[in-house]
Protein backbone atom coordinates (compact mmCIF):
# COMPACT_ATOMS: atom_id res chain seq x y z
CA UNK A 1 -0.42 0.06 -0.02
CA UNK A 2 1.06 3.30 -0.62
CA UNK A 3 -0.22 6.80 0.18
CA UNK A 4 -2.83 8.86 -2.11
CA UNK A 5 -1.48 11.14 -4.50
CA UNK A 6 -1.82 14.70 -4.56
CA UNK A 7 -5.14 16.43 -5.17
CA UNK A 8 -3.42 18.64 -7.42
CA UNK A 9 -2.54 15.77 -9.65
CA UNK A 10 -6.22 14.92 -10.09
CA UNK A 11 -7.51 18.45 -10.59
CA UNK A 12 -5.08 18.43 -13.56
CA UNK A 13 -6.33 15.42 -15.00
CA UNK A 14 -9.90 16.36 -14.60
CA UNK A 15 -9.35 19.99 -16.34
CA UNK A 16 -7.01 17.80 -19.06
CA UNK A 17 -10.39 15.92 -19.87
CA UNK A 18 -12.77 18.91 -20.03
CA UNK A 19 -10.43 20.51 -22.24
CA UNK A 20 -10.66 17.62 -25.00
CA UNK A 21 -14.04 18.20 -24.23
CA UNK A 22 -14.05 22.18 -25.94
CA UNK A 23 -16.46 24.42 -25.73
CA UNK A 24 -20.50 22.19 -25.11
CA UNK A 25 -23.76 23.21 -23.41
CA UNK A 26 -24.13 23.03 -20.22
CA UNK A 27 -25.49 20.54 -18.45
CA UNK A 28 -28.17 21.26 -15.38
CA UNK A 29 -28.53 19.02 -12.08
CA UNK A 30 -31.49 18.46 -9.81
CA UNK A 31 -29.77 17.41 -6.58
CA UNK A 32 -31.27 16.16 -3.00
CA UNK A 33 -31.83 18.22 0.27
CA UNK A 34 -31.19 15.67 3.03
CA UNK A 35 -32.26 17.83 6.03
CA UNK A 36 -29.01 18.99 7.16
CA UNK A 37 -28.48 22.68 7.05
CA UNK A 38 -24.90 22.57 6.62
CA UNK A 39 -25.03 20.23 3.52
CA UNK A 40 -27.82 22.77 1.89
CA UNK A 41 -25.44 25.86 2.52
CA UNK A 42 -22.93 23.75 0.91
CA UNK A 43 -24.87 22.54 -2.06
CA UNK A 44 -25.77 26.30 -2.74
CA UNK A 45 -22.42 27.01 -3.14
CA UNK A 46 -22.08 25.08 -5.28
CA UNK A 47 -24.37 25.96 -7.83
CA UNK A 48 -22.32 27.17 -10.29
CA UNK A 49 -19.42 24.89 -11.18
CA UNK A 50 -16.92 24.10 -14.14
CA UNK A 51 -19.51 25.53 -16.42
CA UNK A 52 -22.32 23.17 -15.34
CA UNK A 53 -25.26 24.23 -12.53
CA UNK A 54 -27.37 23.26 -10.21
CA UNK A 55 -30.79 23.68 -11.35
CA UNK A 56 -33.03 23.05 -8.79
CA UNK A 57 -32.88 20.98 -5.34
CA UNK A 58 -35.68 18.65 -4.21
CA UNK A 59 -36.73 17.88 -1.18
CA UNK A 60 -40.22 15.92 0.69
CA UNK A 61 -43.20 17.46 1.22
CA UNK A 62 -44.09 17.43 4.81
CA UNK A 63 -45.16 14.05 6.46
CA UNK A 64 -48.68 15.46 7.58
CA UNK A 65 -49.62 15.68 3.79
CA UNK A 66 -48.15 12.69 1.96
CA UNK A 67 -45.58 10.35 1.98
CA UNK A 68 -42.54 10.05 -0.98
CA UNK A 69 -40.11 7.85 -1.89
CA UNK A 70 -37.61 8.35 0.39
CA UNK A 71 -37.90 8.30 4.47
CA UNK A 72 -36.62 11.61 5.49
CA UNK A 73 -37.04 13.95 8.74
CA UNK A 74 -39.71 14.81 10.32
CA UNK A 75 -40.72 18.52 8.87
CA UNK A 76 -43.34 20.65 10.10
CA UNK A 77 -45.13 23.14 7.04
CA UNK A 78 -43.62 25.96 8.97
CA UNK A 79 -39.81 24.31 8.58
CA UNK A 80 -40.60 23.39 5.08
CA UNK A 81 -41.85 26.71 4.13
CA UNK A 82 -38.50 27.64 5.34
CA UNK A 83 -36.38 25.48 3.32
CA UNK A 84 -38.20 26.82 0.37
CA UNK A 85 -37.09 30.35 0.97
CA UNK A 86 -33.51 29.84 1.52
CA UNK A 87 -33.09 27.67 -1.61
CA UNK A 88 -35.20 30.30 -3.78
CA UNK A 89 -33.17 33.04 -2.18
CA UNK A 90 -29.94 31.65 -3.48
CA UNK A 91 -31.58 32.06 -7.23
CA UNK A 92 -32.16 28.16 -7.09
CA UNK A 93 -35.77 26.78 -8.08
CA UNK A 94 -37.70 24.36 -5.81
CA UNK A 95 -38.89 20.80 -7.01
CA UNK A 96 -41.14 19.15 -3.65
CA UNK A 97 -41.41 15.54 -4.43
CA UNK A 98 -44.64 14.34 -3.46
CA UNK A 99 -44.09 10.49 -5.33
CA UNK A 100 -45.47 8.11 -3.23
CA UNK A 101 -46.58 4.88 -4.53
CA UNK A 102 -49.12 4.01 -2.54
CA UNK A 103 -50.77 6.64 0.43
CA UNK A 104 -53.41 4.04 2.15
CA UNK A 105 -56.93 3.26 1.33
CA UNK A 106 -58.17 6.92 1.46
CA UNK A 107 -55.35 8.01 -1.19
CA UNK A 108 -58.33 9.27 -3.02
CA UNK A 109 -60.74 10.16 -0.57
CA UNK A 110 -62.07 13.90 -1.17
CA UNK A 111 -60.30 15.17 1.79
CA UNK A 112 -57.31 13.45 1.03
CA UNK A 113 -56.92 15.17 -2.50
CA UNK A 114 -58.08 18.54 -1.44
CA UNK A 115 -55.03 18.34 1.00
CA UNK A 116 -52.48 17.47 -1.32
CA UNK A 117 -53.45 19.25 -4.18
CA UNK A 118 -54.23 22.42 -1.60
CA UNK A 119 -50.55 22.11 -0.54
CA UNK A 120 -49.25 22.17 -4.43
CA UNK A 121 -51.43 24.66 -5.26
CA UNK A 122 -50.49 26.90 -2.36
CA UNK A 123 -47.22 26.32 -2.29
CA UNK A 124 -46.70 27.14 -5.91
CA UNK A 125 -48.83 30.44 -5.64
CA UNK A 126 -47.47 31.98 -2.50
CA UNK A 127 -43.91 30.38 -1.97
CA UNK A 128 -43.04 30.32 -5.47
CA UNK A 129 -42.68 26.61 -5.89
CA UNK A 130 -41.72 25.95 -9.53
CA UNK A 131 -41.63 22.36 -9.79
CA UNK A 132 -43.69 19.01 -8.30
CA UNK A 133 -42.41 15.52 -8.81
CA UNK A 134 -45.56 13.41 -8.55
CA UNK A 135 -45.80 9.16 -9.54
CA UNK A 136 -49.70 8.95 -9.83
CA UNK A 137 -51.05 10.11 -13.18
CA UNK A 138 -54.42 10.48 -10.94
CA UNK A 139 -52.82 13.33 -8.94
CA UNK A 140 -51.22 14.75 -12.24
CA UNK A 141 -54.28 15.44 -14.55
CA UNK A 142 -55.25 16.62 -10.92
CA UNK A 143 -52.55 19.06 -10.20
CA UNK A 144 -52.47 20.33 -13.89
CA UNK A 145 -55.82 21.22 -14.02
CA UNK A 146 -55.15 23.23 -10.67
CA UNK A 147 -51.93 24.92 -11.41
CA UNK A 148 -51.50 25.31 -15.66
CA UNK A 149 -48.24 26.95 -15.03
CA UNK A 150 -46.62 24.77 -12.86
CA UNK A 151 -43.81 22.11 -13.44
CA UNK A 152 -45.20 18.49 -13.19
CA UNK A 153 -42.32 15.56 -13.07
CA UNK A 154 -43.48 12.46 -13.52
CA UNK A 155 -41.27 10.61 -10.90
CA UNK A 156 -38.97 7.54 -11.79
CA UNK A 157 -41.66 5.22 -9.50
CA UNK A 158 -44.23 6.16 -12.04
CA UNK A 159 -41.92 2.94 -14.17
CA UNK A 160 -41.96 5.21 -17.18
CA UNK A 161 -39.96 2.23 -19.17
CA UNK A 162 -41.71 2.65 -22.70
CA UNK A 163 -43.45 5.11 -25.18
CA UNK A 164 -46.73 4.18 -24.30
CA UNK A 165 -46.63 4.60 -20.80
CA UNK A 166 -44.44 7.96 -21.33
CA UNK A 167 -47.45 9.27 -23.44
CA UNK A 168 -50.03 8.59 -21.10
CA UNK A 169 -48.24 10.43 -18.45
CA UNK A 170 -47.60 13.30 -20.70
CA UNK A 171 -51.13 13.29 -21.82
CA UNK A 172 -51.89 13.43 -17.62
CA UNK A 173 -50.04 16.55 -17.49
CA UNK A 174 -46.13 15.86 -17.11
CA UNK A 175 -44.34 18.20 -18.52
CA UNK A 176 -40.61 16.76 -17.15
CA UNK A 177 -40.16 12.90 -16.52
CA UNK A 178 -37.85 11.14 -14.74
CA UNK A 179 -37.70 7.43 -16.53
CA UNK A 180 -37.85 4.19 -15.15
CA UNK A 181 -33.69 3.65 -14.68
CA UNK A 182 -33.92 0.53 -17.07
CA UNK A 183 -34.27 2.37 -20.06
CA UNK A 184 -31.49 4.85 -18.86
CA UNK A 185 -29.28 3.83 -21.27
CA UNK A 186 -31.41 2.49 -24.61
CA UNK A 187 -31.04 5.95 -26.28
CA UNK A 188 -33.11 5.21 -29.18
CA UNK A 189 -35.87 4.91 -27.01
CA UNK A 190 -35.03 7.90 -25.09
CA UNK A 191 -34.41 10.01 -28.11
CA UNK A 192 -38.06 9.21 -29.30
CA UNK A 193 -39.88 10.37 -26.23
CA UNK A 194 -38.45 13.71 -25.86
CA UNK A 195 -39.04 14.11 -29.94
CA UNK A 196 -42.30 12.82 -30.14
CA UNK A 197 -43.77 13.69 -26.83
CA UNK A 198 -42.11 17.12 -26.14
CA UNK A 199 -41.20 16.30 -22.85
CA UNK A 200 -37.64 17.08 -20.81
CA UNK A 201 -36.16 14.10 -19.80
CA UNK A 202 -34.43 14.24 -16.26
CA UNK A 203 -32.16 11.53 -15.70
CA UNK A 204 -31.36 10.12 -12.65
CA UNK A 205 -27.61 9.05 -12.74
CA UNK A 206 -26.39 7.26 -9.08
CA UNK A 207 -29.14 5.19 -8.30
CA UNK A 208 -27.88 1.68 -7.75
CA UNK A 209 -31.24 -0.84 -7.76
CA UNK A 210 -30.92 -3.12 -9.16
CA UNK A 211 -32.09 -3.98 -13.23
CA UNK A 212 -35.71 -4.62 -13.01
CA UNK A 213 -35.61 -5.12 -9.42
CA UNK A 214 -38.14 -7.98 -8.32
CA UNK A 215 -38.26 -6.47 -4.79
CA UNK A 216 -38.83 -2.55 -6.23
CA UNK A 217 -42.51 -2.38 -6.01
CA UNK A 218 -42.77 -3.71 -2.72
CA UNK A 219 -39.87 -1.88 -0.95
CA UNK A 220 -41.50 1.61 -2.70
CA UNK A 221 -44.77 0.97 -0.89
CA UNK A 222 -42.96 0.15 2.12
CA UNK A 223 -40.92 3.43 2.03
CA UNK A 224 -44.46 5.16 0.97
CA UNK A 225 -46.25 4.28 3.87
CA UNK A 226 -43.17 4.43 6.41
CA UNK A 227 -42.53 7.90 4.78
CA UNK A 228 -45.90 9.63 5.37
CA UNK A 229 -45.84 7.52 9.13
CA UNK A 230 -43.04 8.94 10.05
CA UNK A 231 -41.26 5.72 11.22
CA UNK A 232 -37.47 4.18 10.04
CA UNK A 233 -37.56 1.86 6.77
CA UNK A 234 -35.36 -0.78 7.99
CA UNK A 235 -32.88 -2.51 5.88
CA UNK A 236 -34.52 -6.11 4.73
CA UNK A 237 -34.85 -5.00 1.08
CA UNK A 238 -31.20 -3.68 0.92
CA UNK A 239 -29.83 -7.23 2.23
CA UNK A 240 -32.63 -9.02 0.26
CA UNK A 241 -30.57 -6.78 -2.86
CA UNK A 242 -27.19 -7.65 -1.50
CA UNK A 243 -28.21 -11.27 -1.64
CA UNK A 244 -28.68 -11.28 -5.27
CA UNK A 245 -25.52 -9.41 -5.95
CA UNK A 246 -23.59 -11.68 -4.05
CA UNK A 247 -25.14 -14.86 -6.47
CA UNK A 248 -24.09 -12.86 -9.69
CA UNK A 249 -21.70 -9.89 -9.26
CA UNK A 250 -22.59 -8.60 -12.91
CA UNK A 251 -25.80 -7.36 -11.58
CA UNK A 252 -23.47 -3.96 -10.65
CA UNK A 253 -23.06 -3.61 -14.25
CA UNK A 254 -26.41 -4.62 -15.58
CA UNK A 255 -27.69 -1.68 -13.20
CA UNK A 256 -28.52 1.15 -15.16
CA UNK A 257 -26.49 4.18 -13.34
CA UNK A 258 -24.82 6.70 -15.33
CA UNK A 259 -20.92 7.70 -14.65
CA UNK A 260 -20.36 11.07 -14.54
CA UNK A 261 -18.12 10.88 -17.37
CA UNK A 262 -20.63 9.58 -19.63
CA UNK A 263 -23.15 12.54 -19.28
CA UNK A 264 -22.17 14.08 -22.95
CA UNK A 265 -23.32 10.53 -24.68
CA UNK A 266 -26.75 11.74 -24.24
CA UNK A 267 -26.66 15.12 -26.37
CA UNK A 268 -29.40 15.48 -27.98
CA UNK A 269 -31.47 13.53 -25.73
CA UNK A 270 -31.06 15.54 -22.09
CA UNK A 271 -29.23 17.83 -20.72
CA UNK A 272 -30.82 17.60 -17.00
CA UNK A 273 -29.92 14.54 -14.44
CA UNK A 274 -31.06 13.74 -10.94
CA UNK A 275 -28.66 12.77 -8.37
CA UNK A 276 -30.03 10.39 -5.93
CA UNK A 277 -29.43 11.16 -1.81
CA UNK A 278 -31.92 12.58 0.14
CA UNK A 279 -31.25 9.96 2.76
CA UNK A 280 -27.75 9.78 2.32
CA UNK A 281 -24.96 10.98 4.73
CA UNK A 282 -23.47 14.65 3.76
CA UNK A 283 -20.74 13.19 2.27
CA UNK A 284 -22.04 11.40 0.26
CA UNK A 285 -24.49 14.58 -1.19
CA UNK A 286 -22.00 16.38 -1.69
CA UNK A 287 -19.45 14.06 -3.34
CA UNK A 288 -21.80 13.16 -5.65
CA UNK A 289 -22.94 16.74 -6.64
CA UNK A 290 -19.38 17.66 -7.03
CA UNK A 291 -18.23 14.67 -9.05
CA UNK A 292 -21.48 15.16 -11.66
CA UNK A 293 -20.71 18.54 -11.87
CA UNK A 294 -17.50 18.36 -12.63
CA UNK A 295 -17.98 15.12 -15.07
CA UNK A 296 -15.60 13.32 -13.45
CA UNK A 297 -14.56 10.89 -10.60
CA UNK A 298 -11.20 9.83 -10.16
CA UNK A 299 -12.12 6.88 -7.16
CA UNK A 300 -14.21 4.32 -6.20
CA UNK A 301 -17.57 3.74 -8.44
CA UNK A 302 -19.49 2.48 -5.53
CA UNK A 303 -18.74 5.78 -3.23
CA UNK A 304 -21.47 7.25 -5.77
CA UNK A 305 -23.79 5.37 -5.83
CA UNK A 306 -27.10 4.79 -3.79
CA UNK A 307 -29.53 2.35 -2.79
CA UNK A 308 -28.80 -1.82 -2.80
CA UNK A 309 -25.32 -1.37 -4.61
CA UNK A 310 -24.24 1.52 -2.70
CA UNK A 311 -24.79 -0.75 0.38
CA UNK A 312 -23.29 -3.86 -1.33
CA UNK A 313 -20.16 -1.68 -1.76
CA UNK A 314 -20.13 -0.57 1.85
CA UNK A 315 -20.92 -3.60 3.62
CA UNK A 316 -18.64 -5.86 1.64
CA UNK A 317 -15.56 -3.19 1.04
CA UNK A 318 -15.90 -3.89 -2.65
CA UNK A 319 -13.94 -1.28 -5.16
CA UNK A 320 -14.33 -0.63 -8.66
CA UNK A 321 -11.96 1.64 -10.40
CA UNK A 322 -14.18 4.16 -12.16
CA UNK A 323 -11.86 5.50 -14.73
CA UNK A 324 -10.80 2.03 -15.11
CA UNK A 325 -14.40 1.06 -16.00
CA UNK A 326 -14.09 3.96 -18.60
CA UNK A 327 -11.12 3.03 -20.42
CA UNK A 328 -13.34 -0.48 -21.46
CA UNK A 329 -15.97 -0.22 -23.98
CA UNK A 330 -19.05 -0.47 -21.39
CA UNK A 331 -21.17 2.24 -22.13
CA UNK A 332 -21.07 1.69 -25.83
CA UNK A 333 -21.61 -2.08 -25.58
CA UNK A 334 -24.27 -1.64 -22.62
CA UNK A 335 -26.52 1.00 -24.65
CA UNK A 336 -26.62 -0.88 -27.73
CA UNK A 337 -27.09 -4.29 -26.63
CA UNK A 338 -30.72 -6.36 -26.74
CA UNK A 339 -30.53 -6.88 -22.99
CA UNK A 340 -30.85 -10.44 -23.58
CA UNK A 341 -28.50 -11.32 -20.41
CA UNK A 342 -29.28 -15.18 -20.28
CA UNK A 343 -26.80 -15.51 -23.63
CA UNK A 344 -24.62 -12.98 -22.85
CA UNK A 345 -21.65 -12.76 -20.00
CA UNK A 346 -20.04 -9.71 -20.83
CA UNK A 347 -21.57 -7.49 -17.38
CA UNK A 348 -20.17 -11.40 -14.96
CA UNK A 349 -16.69 -10.79 -17.46
CA UNK A 350 -16.73 -7.27 -16.37
CA UNK A 351 -17.23 -8.18 -13.06
CA UNK A 352 -14.27 -10.82 -13.10
CA UNK A 353 -11.40 -7.98 -14.69
CA UNK A 354 -12.58 -5.21 -12.67
CA UNK A 355 -14.63 -5.79 -8.94
CA UNK A 356 -12.34 -6.26 -6.34
CA UNK A 357 -12.72 -6.52 -2.14
CA UNK A 358 -11.15 -5.76 0.85
CA UNK A 359 -10.11 -2.37 1.41
CA UNK A 360 -12.46 0.48 3.11
CA UNK A 361 -12.03 3.73 1.48
CA UNK A 362 -12.07 7.06 3.28
CA UNK A 363 -15.35 7.79 1.92
CA UNK A 364 -16.95 4.47 3.01
CA UNK A 365 -15.92 5.81 6.53
CA UNK A 366 -17.28 8.89 5.71
CA UNK A 367 -20.62 7.75 4.58
CA UNK A 368 -20.74 5.75 7.92
CA UNK A 369 -20.18 8.98 9.75
CA UNK A 370 -16.65 7.15 10.84
CA UNK A 371 -14.81 10.50 11.16
CA UNK A 372 -12.83 9.90 14.18
CA UNK A 373 -11.29 6.39 12.63
CA UNK A 374 -10.53 8.64 9.54
CA UNK A 375 -8.44 10.90 11.75
CA UNK A 376 -6.78 7.98 13.19
CA UNK A 377 -5.82 5.98 10.22
CA UNK A 378 -4.84 9.14 8.89
CA UNK A 379 -2.39 9.75 11.97
CA UNK A 380 -0.51 6.22 11.06
CA UNK A 381 0.14 7.44 7.57
CA UNK A 382 1.34 11.40 7.88
CA UNK A 383 -1.77 12.70 7.37
CA UNK A 384 -2.69 10.76 4.30
CA UNK A 385 -5.48 7.61 3.42
CA UNK A 386 -3.64 5.07 2.64
CA UNK A 387 -4.55 3.29 -1.09
CA UNK A 388 -5.10 -0.08 -1.66
CA UNK A 389 -2.86 -1.90 -4.86
CA UNK A 390 -4.43 -5.13 -4.65
CA UNK A 391 -7.61 -6.64 -3.65
CA UNK A 392 -9.19 -9.92 -2.82
CA UNK A 393 -11.32 -11.32 -6.04
CA UNK A 394 -14.21 -12.74 -3.66
CA UNK A 395 -16.10 -10.54 -0.24
CA UNK A 396 -14.18 -11.36 3.09
CA UNK A 397 -16.72 -13.34 5.72
CA UNK A 398 -15.87 -10.85 8.17
CA UNK A 399 -15.09 -7.55 6.13
CA UNK A 400 -14.75 -5.24 9.05
CA UNK A 401 -13.28 -7.46 11.20
CA UNK A 402 -10.34 -4.86 11.01
CA UNK A 403 -12.35 -2.49 12.43
């Protein structure tokens, strides 16, 4: 092992990469508010970086109004309005996420609809909220009728994975769509949706869910209830997905995340991308935001991914060199394949080549809140965090034994 190289060397590498791209249009990002005021201030400070921009910050509606696709801190209406004011005063627009996939047996009762649609109207008209994210097409229709000038984004939880489904949500009133991540690499379909329906696409870049995950619908229904009921989500689904990855490491590459370096490949389709992380530690939110604004990340790919693959990386101290992956034909291969995975071993072979285990990175410790451990390790290595040059090809039985 050796100590990590100077940060200036990484920065120089990044600047060289940006220079080779030439003059291109800026990328715009939707970034998460994780309930931490200090993180929010740091996100605002990152608003414009290296020619790219944070267009919006998205956050959960108060639990008294509805649930959402992530469990967050309990928020009162006054607290919510206060956060909205801070964001808008910084010149960044606000997208309120109300993308529950289930809100109980009274979801369609008049009282519930009046509460939810009334909240959207009041936030838009009285507090200037520019956008709302919804998963339910019925609510999209109601919101569009009430707020004709509001940007309505169809959530990734709307499961828009084909043209006909995209068309249905466009007809309901959605003007922006975060499509199902399973079509993130289907460039032909994405282009058809944008051109024929006239909607803007906002692609989710760092969600680490399995492709066509068998647990996803049930997991999101659980989160929708827990987020509304102000209860902890638990981790049963993360471990269930981790078991699938353990049996087939190729699932990591079959998942539909987008590397920071690959966003320019969507030119002509979209320049608007969404970063996941409402339920993440500040370190993860800020690291991902910086990496995608920079369009470059020199480190472990797992440090950027959330959900089950991100948890798998921490649990088993897994490592994939993001830059090494970029030197393969990964994007071209996975964006042109027919998804007949039962006939192909490409992702499994890529896992054999690039996936390693056995080294806990500084970033992993940050994402677990282990700042004191980081300080202790760096003190042993002259103030720098050590870098591992050799990895195990299989997960360790007890990866945290040495901690």
